[in-house]
Amino acid sequence: MDTAHNSEPTRAEIDSLQGPALIEFGAAWCGYCRAARPLIASALSGASPVRHIRIEDGKGRRLGRSFGVKLWPTLIFLKDGKEMARLVRPENSDLIRRALENICKDA
């Protein structure tokens, strides 16, 4: 499931997610984010079902700050609401795929 959020979910909502989830922080105008989108899509295409939530991040956005996001894109890999891995500006889909495999184990 791929969900884009213009209205930011709360940290409590993210922390209460069940199962594997990928939170993607970025901005529509960000060149690094646009370059990473095909890599993320490729990695997700071969993965077990994972909730993918894209968050439009920026000044005044609290959710990104609560995760300590400083660069885009930042990918947060969650399992049952707990951070299991993080990738910042991933350069290949293999790194993303490996992180996805780890959060999908025993799911």
PDB file of N, CA and C in Angstrom:
ATOM      1  N   MET A   1       0.851  -1.182   0.000  1.00  0.00           N
ATOM      2  CA  MET A   1       0.000   0.000   0.000  1.00  0.00           C
ATOM      3  C   MET A   1       0.889   1.233   0.000  1.00  0.00           C
ATOM      4  N   ASP A   2       0.659   2.110  -0.936  1.00  0.00           N
ATOM      5  CA  ASP A   2       1.443   3.342  -1.067  1.00  0.00           C
ATOM      6  C   ASP A   2       0.517   4.511  -0.771  1.00  0.00           C
ATOM      7  N   THR A   3       0.881   5.287   0.230  1.00  0.00           N
ATOM      8  CA  THR A   3       0.045   6.414   0.626  1.00  0.00           C
ATOM      9  C   THR A   3       0.889   7.668   0.669  1.00  0.00           C
ATOM     10  N   ALA A   4       0.439   8.719   0.003  1.00  0.00           N
ATOM     11  CA  ALA A   4       1.117  10.015   0.085  1.00  0.00           C
ATOM     12  C   ALA A   4       0.319  10.879   1.054  1.00  0.00           C
ATOM     13  N   HIS A   5       1.032  11.527   1.951  1.00  0.00           N
ATOM     14  CA  HIS A   5       0.374  12.360   2.954  1.00  0.00           C
ATOM     15  C   HIS A   5       0.780  13.811   2.792  1.00  0.00           C
ATOM     16  N   ASN A   6      -0.192  14.655   2.513  1.00  0.00           N
ATOM     17  CA  ASN A   6       0.056  16.086   2.577  1.00  0.00           C
ATOM     18  C   ASN A   6      -0.247  16.565   3.985  1.00  0.00           C
ATOM     19  N   SER A   7      -1.259  15.959   4.616  1.00  0.00           N
ATOM     20  CA  SER A   7      -1.523  16.247   6.019  1.00  0.00           C
ATOM     21  C   SER A   7      -0.754  15.195   6.810  1.00  0.00           C
ATOM     22  N   GLU A   8       0.072  15.663   7.659  1.00  0.00           N
ATOM     23  CA  GLU A   8       1.014  14.820   8.371  1.00  0.00           C
ATOM     24  C   GLU A   8       0.330  13.954   9.430  1.00  0.00           C
ATOM     25  N   PRO A   9       0.581  12.619   9.395  1.00  0.00           N
ATOM     26  CA  PRO A   9       0.069  11.801  10.495  1.00  0.00           C
ATOM     27  C   PRO A   9       0.811  12.165  11.783  1.00  0.00           C
ATOM     28  N   THR A  10       0.237  11.828  12.891  1.00  0.00           N
ATOM     29  CA  THR A  10       0.904  12.118  14.163  1.00  0.00           C
ATOM     30  C   THR A  10       1.954  11.053  14.450  1.00  0.00           C
ATOM     31  N   ARG A  11       2.866  11.377  15.337  1.00  0.00           N
ATOM     32  CA  ARG A  11       3.872  10.386  15.747  1.00  0.00           C
ATOM     33  C   ARG A  11       3.193   9.198  16.417  1.00  0.00           C
ATOM     34  N   ALA A  12       2.134   9.464  17.181  1.00  0.00           N
ATOM     35  CA  ALA A  12       1.401   8.374  17.847  1.00  0.00           C
ATOM     36  C   ALA A  12       0.801   7.424  16.807  1.00  0.00           C
ATOM     37  N   GLU A  13       0.283   7.965  15.699  1.00  0.00           N
ATOM     38  CA  GLU A  13      -0.272   7.113  14.644  1.00  0.00           C
ATOM     39  C   GLU A  13       0.821   6.249  14.020  1.00  0.00           C
ATOM     40  N   ILE A  14       1.975   6.829  13.783  1.00  0.00           N
ATOM     41  CA  ILE A  14       3.093   6.068  13.216  1.00  0.00           C
ATOM     42  C   ILE A  14       3.563   5.007  14.209  1.00  0.00           C
ATOM     43  N   ASP A  15       3.711   5.389  15.470  1.00  0.00           N
ATOM     44  CA  ASP A  15       4.179   4.450  16.493  1.00  0.00           C
ATOM     45  C   ASP A  15       3.216   3.295  16.700  1.00  0.00           C
ATOM     46  N   SER A  16       1.943   3.465  16.359  1.00  0.00           N
ATOM     47  CA  SER A  16       0.956   2.405  16.583  1.00  0.00           C
ATOM     48  C   SER A  16       0.744   1.526  15.346  1.00  0.00           C
ATOM     49  N   LEU A  17       1.486   1.777  14.268  1.00  0.00           N
ATOM     50  CA  LEU A  17       1.346   0.940  13.074  1.00  0.00           C
ATOM     51  C   LEU A  17       1.699  -0.501  13.397  1.00  0.00           C
ATOM     52  N   GLN A  18       0.939  -1.414  12.840  1.00  0.00           N
ATOM     53  CA  GLN A  18       1.215  -2.835  13.008  1.00  0.00           C
ATOM     54  C   GLN A  18       1.842  -3.388  11.731  1.00  0.00           C
ATOM     55  N   GLY A  19       2.788  -4.308  11.886  1.00  0.00           N
ATOM     56  CA  GLY A  19       3.442  -4.926  10.742  1.00  0.00           C
ATOM     57  C   GLY A  19       4.540  -4.053  10.171  1.00  0.00           C
ATOM     58  N   PRO A  20       5.059  -4.450   8.994  1.00  0.00           N
ATOM     59  CA  PRO A  20       6.148  -3.700   8.366  1.00  0.00           C
ATOM     60  C   PRO A  20       5.636  -2.445   7.675  1.00  0.00           C
ATOM     61  N   ALA A  21       6.415  -1.372   7.794  1.00  0.00           N
ATOM     62  CA  ALA A  21       6.058  -0.111   7.142  1.00  0.00           C
ATOM     63  C   ALA A  21       7.327   0.634   6.744  1.00  0.00           C
ATOM     64  N   LEU A  22       7.232   1.342   5.642  1.00  0.00           N
ATOM     65  CA  LEU A  22       8.314   2.201   5.164  1.00  0.00           C
ATOM     66  C   LEU A  22       7.782   3.621   5.153  1.00  0.00           C
ATOM     67  N   ILE A  23       8.437   4.488   5.916  1.00  0.00           N
ATOM     68  CA  ILE A  23       8.083   5.900   5.935  1.00  0.00           C
ATOM     69  C   ILE A  23       9.142   6.631   5.111  1.00  0.00           C
ATOM     70  N   GLU A  24       8.709   7.332   4.082  1.00  0.00           N
ATOM     71  CA  GLU A  24       9.610   8.058   3.183  1.00  0.00           C
ATOM     72  C   GLU A  24       9.412   9.556   3.396  1.00  0.00           C
ATOM     73  N   PHE A  25      10.421  10.209   3.947  1.00  0.00           N
ATOM     74  CA  PHE A  25      10.385  11.657   4.138  1.00  0.00           C
ATOM     75  C   PHE A  25      11.087  12.321   2.965  1.00  0.00           C
ATOM     76  N   GLY A  26      10.451  13.329   2.387  1.00  0.00           N
ATOM     77  CA  GLY A  26      11.057  14.032   1.278  1.00  0.00           C
ATOM     78  C   GLY A  26      10.226  15.232   0.877  1.00  0.00           C
ATOM     79  N   ALA A  27      10.525  15.755  -0.300  1.00  0.00           N
ATOM     80  CA  ALA A  27       9.796  16.896  -0.840  1.00  0.00           C
ATOM     81  C   ALA A  27       9.636  16.695  -2.342  1.00  0.00           C
ATOM     82  N   ALA A  28       8.501  17.117  -2.872  1.00  0.00           N
ATOM     83  CA  ALA A  28       8.202  16.912  -4.288  1.00  0.00           C
ATOM     84  C   ALA A  28       9.242  17.564  -5.199  1.00  0.00           C
ATOM     85  N   TRP A  29       9.816  18.685  -4.791  1.00  0.00           N
ATOM     86  CA  TRP A  29      10.767  19.419  -5.620  1.00  0.00           C
ATOM     87  C   TRP A  29      12.210  18.935  -5.452  1.00  0.00           C
ATOM     88  N   CYS A  30      12.449  18.025  -4.519  1.00  0.00           N
ATOM     89  CA  CYS A  30      13.806  17.563  -4.187  1.00  0.00           C
ATOM     90  C   CYS A  30      14.350  16.623  -5.269  1.00  0.00           C
ATOM     91  N   GLY A  31      15.469  16.981  -5.862  1.00  0.00           N
ATOM     92  CA  GLY A  31      16.089  16.151  -6.885  1.00  0.00           C
ATOM     93  C   GLY A  31      16.529  14.792  -6.370  1.00  0.00           C
ATOM     94  N   TYR A  32      17.056  14.744  -5.159  1.00  0.00           N
ATOM     95  CA  TYR A  32      17.465  13.470  -4.558  1.00  0.00           C
ATOM     96  C   TYR A  32      16.247  12.564  -4.364  1.00  0.00           C
ATOM     97  N   CYS A  33      15.127  13.162  -3.970  1.00  0.00           N
ATOM     98  CA  CYS A  33      13.893  12.397  -3.751  1.00  0.00           C
ATOM     99  C   CYS A  33      13.384  11.828  -5.072  1.00  0.00           C
ATOM    100  N   ARG A  34      13.383  12.650  -6.106  1.00  0.00           N
ATOM    101  CA  ARG A  34      12.921  12.187  -7.424  1.00  0.00           C
ATOM    102  C   ARG A  34      13.821  11.073  -7.941  1.00  0.00           C
ATOM    103  N   ALA A  35      15.123  11.179  -7.715  1.00  0.00           N
ATOM    104  CA  ALA A  35      16.061  10.142  -8.162  1.00  0.00           C
ATOM    105  C   ALA A  35      15.861   8.840  -7.395  1.00  0.00           C
ATOM    106  N   ALA A  36      15.453   8.931  -6.143  1.00  0.00           N
ATOM    107  CA  ALA A  36      15.282   7.733  -5.316  1.00  0.00           C
ATOM    108  C   ALA A  36      13.960   7.014  -5.570  1.00  0.00           C
ATOM    109  N   ARG A  37      12.967   7.704  -6.094  1.00  0.00           N
ATOM    110  CA  ARG A  37      11.636   7.086  -6.273  1.00  0.00           C
ATOM    111  C   ARG A  37      11.675   5.790  -7.073  1.00  0.00           C
ATOM    112  N   PRO A  38      12.380   5.737  -8.242  1.00  0.00           N
ATOM    113  CA  PRO A  38      12.415   4.460  -8.969  1.00  0.00           C
ATOM    114  C   PRO A  38      13.133   3.360  -8.193  1.00  0.00           C
ATOM    115  N   LEU A  39      14.136   3.721  -7.402  1.00  0.00           N
ATOM    116  CA  LEU A  39      14.846   2.734  -6.586  1.00  0.00           C
ATOM    117  C   LEU A  39      13.909   2.152  -5.529  1.00  0.00           C
ATOM    118  N   ILE A  40      13.137   3.020  -4.903  1.00  0.00           N
ATOM    119  CA  ILE A  40      12.189   2.589  -3.871  1.00  0.00           C
ATOM    120  C   ILE A  40      11.120   1.709  -4.501  1.00  0.00           C
ATOM    121  N   ALA A  41      10.587   2.134  -5.644  1.00  0.00           N
ATOM    122  CA  ALA A  41       9.551   1.357  -6.328  1.00  0.00           C
ATOM    123  C   ALA A  41      10.076  -0.022  -6.719  1.00  0.00           C
ATOM    124  N   SER A  42      11.295  -0.077  -7.213  1.00  0.00           N
ATOM    125  CA  SER A  42      11.897  -1.347  -7.596  1.00  0.00           C
ATOM    126  C   SER A  42      12.041  -2.278  -6.394  1.00  0.00           C
ATOM    127  N   ALA A  43      12.523  -1.747  -5.300  1.00  0.00           N
ATOM    128  CA  ALA A  43      12.701  -2.555  -4.084  1.00  0.00           C
ATOM    129  C   ALA A  43      11.361  -3.040  -3.550  1.00  0.00           C
ATOM    130  N   LEU A  44      10.358  -2.180  -3.581  1.00  0.00           N
ATOM    131  CA  LEU A  44       9.033  -2.558  -3.079  1.00  0.00           C
ATOM    132  C   LEU A  44       8.354  -3.589  -3.974  1.00  0.00           C
ATOM    133  N   SER A  45       8.663  -3.585  -5.261  1.00  0.00           N
ATOM    134  CA  SER A  45       7.986  -4.492  -6.189  1.00  0.00           C
ATOM    135  C   SER A  45       8.280  -5.952  -5.885  1.00  0.00           C
ATOM    136  N   GLY A  46       9.438  -6.236  -5.320  1.00  0.00           N
ATOM    137  CA  GLY A  46       9.783  -7.617  -5.007  1.00  0.00           C
ATOM    138  C   GLY A  46       9.604  -7.975  -3.547  1.00  0.00           C
ATOM    139  N   ALA A  47       9.104  -7.036  -2.757  1.00  0.00           N
ATOM    140  CA  ALA A  47       8.992  -7.258  -1.312  1.00  0.00           C
ATOM    141  C   ALA A  47       7.615  -7.804  -0.942  1.00  0.00           C
ATOM    142  N   SER A  48       7.555  -8.393   0.223  1.00  0.00           N
ATOM    143  CA  SER A  48       6.264  -8.755   0.805  1.00  0.00           C
ATOM    144  C   SER A  48       5.463  -7.473   0.963  1.00  0.00           C
ATOM    145  N   PRO A  49       4.150  -7.589   1.123  1.00  0.00           N
ATOM    146  CA  PRO A  49       3.355  -6.365   1.290  1.00  0.00           C
ATOM    147  C   PRO A  49       3.858  -5.511   2.458  1.00  0.00           C
ATOM    148  N   VAL A  50       4.161  -4.268   2.138  1.00  0.00           N
ATOM    149  CA  VAL A  50       4.677  -3.310   3.117  1.00  0.00           C
ATOM    150  C   VAL A  50       3.866  -2.035   2.980  1.00  0.00           C
ATOM    151  N   ARG A  51       3.447  -1.474   4.083  1.00  0.00           N
ATOM    152  CA  ARG A  51       2.784  -0.165   4.043  1.00  0.00           C
ATOM    153  C   ARG A  51       3.855   0.877   3.741  1.00  0.00           C
ATOM    154  N   HIS A  52       3.664   1.620   2.638  1.00  0.00           N
ATOM    155  CA  HIS A  52       4.618   2.658   2.227  1.00  0.00           C
ATOM    156  C   HIS A  52       3.917   3.995   2.372  1.00  0.00           C
ATOM    157  N   ILE A  53       4.447   4.832   3.241  1.00  0.00           N
ATOM    158  CA  ILE A  53       3.840   6.136   3.503  1.00  0.00           C
ATOM    159  C   ILE A  53       4.849   7.216   3.147  1.00  0.00           C
ATOM    160  N   ARG A  54       4.483   8.044   2.171  1.00  0.00           N
ATOM    161  CA  ARG A  54       5.345   9.169   1.792  1.00  0.00           C
ATOM    162  C   ARG A  54       4.877  10.406   2.551  1.00  0.00           C
ATOM    163  N   ILE A  55       5.824  11.053   3.198  1.00  0.00           N
ATOM    164  CA  ILE A  55       5.533  12.254   3.979  1.00  0.00           C
ATOM    165  C   ILE A  55       6.221  13.446   3.320  1.00  0.00           C
ATOM    166  N   GLU A  56       5.440  14.442   2.950  1.00  0.00           N
ATOM    167  CA  GLU A  56       5.984  15.701   2.441  1.00  0.00           C
ATOM    168  C   GLU A  56       6.569  16.434   3.642  1.00  0.00           C
ATOM    169  N   ASP A  57       7.886  16.535   3.674  1.00  0.00           N
ATOM    170  CA  ASP A  57       8.574  17.096   4.829  1.00  0.00           C
ATOM    171  C   ASP A  57       8.995  18.528   4.523  1.00  0.00           C
ATOM    172  N   GLY A  58       9.322  19.259   5.551  1.00  0.00           N
ATOM    173  CA  GLY A  58       9.800  20.625   5.367  1.00  0.00           C
ATOM    174  C   GLY A  58       9.729  21.400   6.660  1.00  0.00           C
ATOM    175  N   LYS A  59      10.024  22.669   6.546  1.00  0.00           N
ATOM    176  CA  LYS A  59      10.041  23.553   7.705  1.00  0.00           C
ATOM    177  C   LYS A  59       8.677  23.526   8.410  1.00  0.00           C
ATOM    178  N   GLY A  60       8.728  23.391   9.719  1.00  0.00           N
ATOM    179  CA  GLY A  60       7.503  23.392  10.507  1.00  0.00           C
ATOM    180  C   GLY A  60       6.790  22.054  10.555  1.00  0.00           C
ATOM    181  N   ARG A  61       7.352  21.025   9.926  1.00  0.00           N
ATOM    182  CA  ARG A  61       6.738  19.703   9.949  1.00  0.00           C
ATOM    183  C   ARG A  61       7.308  18.925  11.124  1.00  0.00           C
ATOM    184  N   ARG A  62       6.476  18.618  12.073  1.00  0.00           N
ATOM    185  CA  ARG A  62       6.945  18.014  13.321  1.00  0.00           C
ATOM    186  C   ARG A  62       7.341  16.551  13.207  1.00  0.00           C
ATOM    187  N   LEU A  63       6.661  15.793  12.353  1.00  0.00           N
ATOM    188  CA  LEU A  63       6.944  14.365  12.285  1.00  0.00           C
ATOM    189  C   LEU A  63       8.387  14.102  11.860  1.00  0.00           C
ATOM    190  N   GLY A  64       8.837  14.785  10.833  1.00  0.00           N
ATOM    191  CA  GLY A  64      10.225  14.623  10.400  1.00  0.00           C
ATOM    192  C   GLY A  64      11.210  14.994  11.487  1.00  0.00           C
ATOM    193  N   ARG A  65      10.908  16.053  12.218  1.00  0.00           N
ATOM    194  CA  ARG A  65      11.802  16.454  13.306  1.00  0.00           C
ATOM    195  C   ARG A  65      11.813  15.401  14.415  1.00  0.00           C
ATOM    196  N   SER A  66      10.660  14.783  14.680  1.00  0.00           N
ATOM    197  CA  SER A  66      10.607  13.774  15.747  1.00  0.00           C
ATOM    198  C   SER A  66      11.458  12.555  15.404  1.00  0.00           C
ATOM    199  N   PHE A  67      11.689  12.329  14.106  1.00  0.00           N
ATOM    200  CA  PHE A  67      12.556  11.232  13.667  1.00  0.00           C
ATOM    201  C   PHE A  67      13.988  11.712  13.415  1.00  0.00           C
ATOM    202  N   GLY A  68      14.254  12.991  13.618  1.00  0.00           N
ATOM    203  CA  GLY A  68      15.601  13.515  13.405  1.00  0.00           C
ATOM    204  C   GLY A  68      15.996  13.595  11.942  1.00  0.00           C
ATOM    205  N   VAL A  69      15.022  13.767  11.050  1.00  0.00           N
ATOM    206  CA  VAL A  69      15.305  13.857   9.618  1.00  0.00           C
ATOM    207  C   VAL A  69      16.010  15.175   9.323  1.00  0.00           C
ATOM    208  N   LYS A  70      17.163  15.069   8.629  1.00  0.00           N
ATOM    209  CA  LYS A  70      17.936  16.259   8.271  1.00  0.00           C
ATOM    210  C   LYS A  70      18.142  16.363   6.768  1.00  0.00           C
ATOM    211  N   LEU A  71      18.170  15.223   6.073  1.00  0.00           N
ATOM    212  CA  LEU A  71      18.365  15.199   4.624  1.00  0.00           C
ATOM    213  C   LEU A  71      17.239  14.393   3.984  1.00  0.00           C
ATOM    214  N   TRP A  72      16.946  14.729   2.730  1.00  0.00           N
ATOM    215  CA  TRP A  72      15.918  13.994   1.990  1.00  0.00           C
ATOM    216  C   TRP A  72      16.545  13.239   0.849  1.00  0.00           C
ATOM    217  N   PRO A  73      15.974  12.146   0.430  1.00  0.00           N
ATOM    218  CA  PRO A  73      14.968  11.434   1.168  1.00  0.00           C
ATOM    219  C   PRO A  73      15.581  10.666   2.333  1.00  0.00           C
ATOM    220  N   THR A  74      14.817  10.536   3.385  1.00  0.00           N
ATOM    221  CA  THR A  74      15.168   9.659   4.492  1.00  0.00           C
ATOM    222  C   THR A  74      14.102   8.587   4.556  1.00  0.00           C
ATOM    223  N   LEU A  75      14.543   7.341   4.533  1.00  0.00           N
ATOM    224  CA  LEU A  75      13.640   6.200   4.599  1.00  0.00           C
ATOM    225  C   LEU A  75      13.751   5.582   5.987  1.00  0.00           C
ATOM    226  N   ILE A  76      12.613   5.474   6.657  1.00  0.00           N
ATOM    227  CA  ILE A  76      12.554   4.864   7.990  1.00  0.00           C
ATOM    228  C   ILE A  76      11.807   3.545   7.839  1.00  0.00           C
ATOM    229  N   PHE A  77      12.453   2.458   8.211  1.00  0.00           N
ATOM    230  CA  PHE A  77      11.857   1.131   8.116  1.00  0.00           C
ATOM    231  C   PHE A  77      11.370   0.731   9.507  1.00  0.00           C
ATOM    232  N   LEU A  78      10.064   0.498   9.607  1.00  0.00           N
ATOM    233  CA  LEU A  78       9.434   0.198  10.892  1.00  0.00           C
ATOM    234  C   LEU A  78       8.877  -1.210  10.913  1.00  0.00           C
ATOM    235  N   LYS A  79       8.877  -1.795  12.076  1.00  0.00           N
ATOM    236  CA  LYS A  79       8.169  -3.051  12.315  1.00  0.00           C
ATOM    237  C   LYS A  79       7.381  -2.858  13.591  1.00  0.00           C
ATOM    238  N   ASP A  80       6.066  -2.949  13.482  1.00  0.00           N
ATOM    239  CA  ASP A  80       5.166  -2.733  14.622  1.00  0.00           C
ATOM    240  C   ASP A  80       5.449  -1.394  15.306  1.00  0.00           C
ATOM    241  N   GLY A  81       5.680  -0.363  14.495  1.00  0.00           N
ATOM    242  CA  GLY A  81       5.863   0.988  15.005  1.00  0.00           C
ATOM    243  C   GLY A  81       7.238   1.316  15.546  1.00  0.00           C
ATOM    244  N   LYS A  82       8.167   0.367  15.496  1.00  0.00           N
ATOM    245  CA  LYS A  82       9.520   0.597  16.012  1.00  0.00           C
ATOM    246  C   LYS A  82      10.503   0.688  14.844  1.00  0.00           C
ATOM    247  N   GLU A  83      11.378   1.681  14.908  1.00  0.00           N
ATOM    248  CA  GLU A  83      12.384   1.847  13.856  1.00  0.00           C
ATOM    249  C   GLU A  83      13.381   0.702  13.896  1.00  0.00           C
ATOM    250  N   MET A  84      13.526   0.041  12.731  1.00  0.00           N
ATOM    251  CA  MET A  84      14.453  -1.080  12.613  1.00  0.00           C
ATOM    252  C   MET A  84      15.668  -0.721  11.755  1.00  0.00           C
ATOM    253  N   ALA A  85      15.490   0.238  10.849  1.00  0.00           N
ATOM    254  CA  ALA A  85      16.585   0.653   9.963  1.00  0.00           C
ATOM    255  C   ALA A  85      16.256   2.027   9.397  1.00  0.00           C
ATOM    256  N   ARG A  86      17.289   2.656   8.849  1.00  0.00           N
ATOM    257  CA  ARG A  86      17.151   3.991   8.263  1.00  0.00           C
ATOM    258  C   ARG A  86      18.154   4.103   7.125  1.00  0.00           C
ATOM    259  N   LEU A  87      17.696   4.667   6.019  1.00  0.00           N
ATOM    260  CA  LEU A  87      18.578   4.963   4.894  1.00  0.00           C
ATOM    261  C   LEU A  87      18.380   6.427   4.517  1.00  0.00           C
ATOM    262  N   VAL A  88      19.478   7.119   4.309  1.00  0.00           N
ATOM    263  CA  VAL A  88      19.430   8.517   3.900  1.00  0.00           C
ATOM    264  C   VAL A  88      20.046   8.606   2.505  1.00  0.00           C
ATOM    265  N   ARG A  89      19.289   9.168   1.582  1.00  0.00           N
ATOM    266  CA  ARG A  89      19.708   9.313   0.188  1.00  0.00           C
ATOM    267  C   ARG A  89      20.246   7.998  -0.377  1.00  0.00           C
ATOM    268  N   PRO A  90      19.416   6.963  -0.383  1.00  0.00           N
ATOM    269  CA  PRO A  90      19.881   5.665  -0.900  1.00  0.00           C
ATOM    270  C   PRO A  90      20.270   5.773  -2.373  1.00  0.00           C
ATOM    271  N   GLU A  91      21.336   5.074  -2.735  1.00  0.00           N
ATOM    272  CA  GLU A  91      21.844   5.158  -4.099  1.00  0.00           C
ATOM    273  C   GLU A  91      21.569   3.909  -4.925  1.00  0.00           C
ATOM    274  N   ASN A  92      21.043   2.851  -4.278  1.00  0.00           N
ATOM    275  CA  ASN A  92      20.678   1.666  -5.056  1.00  0.00           C
ATOM    276  C   ASN A  92      19.532   0.924  -4.372  1.00  0.00           C
ATOM    277  N   SER A  93      18.821   0.152  -5.169  1.00  0.00           N
ATOM    278  CA  SER A  93      17.640  -0.532  -4.642  1.00  0.00           C
ATOM    279  C   SER A  93      18.003  -1.724  -3.767  1.00  0.00           C
ATOM    280  N   ASP A  94      19.228  -2.262  -3.893  1.00  0.00           N
ATOM    281  CA  ASP A  94      19.619  -3.412  -3.065  1.00  0.00           C
ATOM    282  C   ASP A  94      19.632  -3.067  -1.579  1.00  0.00           C
ATOM    283  N   LEU A  95      20.127  -1.871  -1.240  1.00  0.00           N
ATOM    284  CA  LEU A  95      20.128  -1.457   0.167  1.00  0.00           C
ATOM    285  C   LEU A  95      18.698  -1.366   0.699  1.00  0.00           C
ATOM    286  N   ILE A  96      17.819  -0.818  -0.109  1.00  0.00           N
ATOM    287  CA  ILE A  96      16.418  -0.680   0.287  1.00  0.00           C
ATOM    288  C   ILE A  96      15.785  -2.064   0.414  1.00  0.00           C
ATOM    289  N   ARG A  97      16.053  -2.931  -0.546  1.00  0.00           N
ATOM    290  CA  ARG A  97      15.500  -4.282  -0.548  1.00  0.00           C
ATOM    291  C   ARG A  97      15.935  -5.053   0.709  1.00  0.00           C
ATOM    292  N   ARG A  98      17.205  -4.946   1.080  1.00  0.00           N
ATOM    293  CA  ARG A  98      17.696  -5.655   2.277  1.00  0.00           C
ATOM    294  C   ARG A  98      16.999  -5.156   3.538  1.00  0.00           C
ATOM    295  N   ALA A  99      16.813  -3.844   3.646  1.00  0.00           N
ATOM    296  CA  ALA A  99      16.117  -3.285   4.809  1.00  0.00           C
ATOM    297  C   ALA A  99      14.664  -3.758   4.830  1.00  0.00           C
ATOM    298  N   LEU A 100      14.031  -3.828   3.657  1.00  0.00           N
ATOM    299  CA  LEU A 100      12.654  -4.317   3.581  1.00  0.00           C
ATOM    300  C   LEU A 100      12.566  -5.781   4.001  1.00  0.00           C
ATOM    301  N   GLU A 101      13.526  -6.589   3.549  1.00  0.00           N
ATOM    302  CA  GLU A 101      13.538  -8.011   3.927  1.00  0.00           C
ATOM    303  C   GLU A 101      13.617  -8.167   5.444  1.00  0.00           C
ATOM    304  N   ASN A 102      14.425  -7.325   6.092  1.00  0.00           N
ATOM    305  CA  ASN A 102      14.572  -7.428   7.539  1.00  0.00           C
ATOM    306  C   ASN A 102      13.278  -7.098   8.279  1.00  0.00           C
ATOM    307  N   ILE A 103      12.525  -6.104   7.818  1.00  0.00           N
ATOM    308  CA  ILE A 103      11.294  -5.764   8.530  1.00  0.00           C
ATOM    309  C   ILE A 103      10.144  -6.704   8.186  1.00  0.00           C
ATOM    310  N   CYS A 104      10.306  -7.472   7.083  1.00  0.00           N
ATOM    311  CA  CYS A 104       9.258  -8.406   6.678  1.00  0.00           C
ATOM    312  C   CYS A 104       9.439  -9.795   7.278  1.00  0.00           C
ATOM    313  N   LYS A 105      10.567 -10.051   7.891  1.00  0.00           N
ATOM    314  CA  LYS A 105      10.794 -11.358   8.520  1.00  0.00           C
ATOM    315  C   LYS A 105       9.732 -11.599   9.585  1.00  0.00           C
ATOM    316  N   ASP A 106       9.185 -12.787   9.554  1.00  0.00           N
ATOM    317  CA  ASP A 106       8.176 -13.200  10.549  1.00  0.00           C
ATOM    318  C   ASP A 106       6.947 -12.308  10.566  1.00  0.00           C
ATOM    319  N   ALA A 107       6.700 -11.598   9.479  1.00  0.00           N
ATOM    320  CA  ALA A 107       5.522 -10.706   9.451  1.00  0.00           C
ATOM    321  C   ALA A 107       4.281 -11.448   9.023  1.00  0.00           C
TER     322      ALA A 107
END
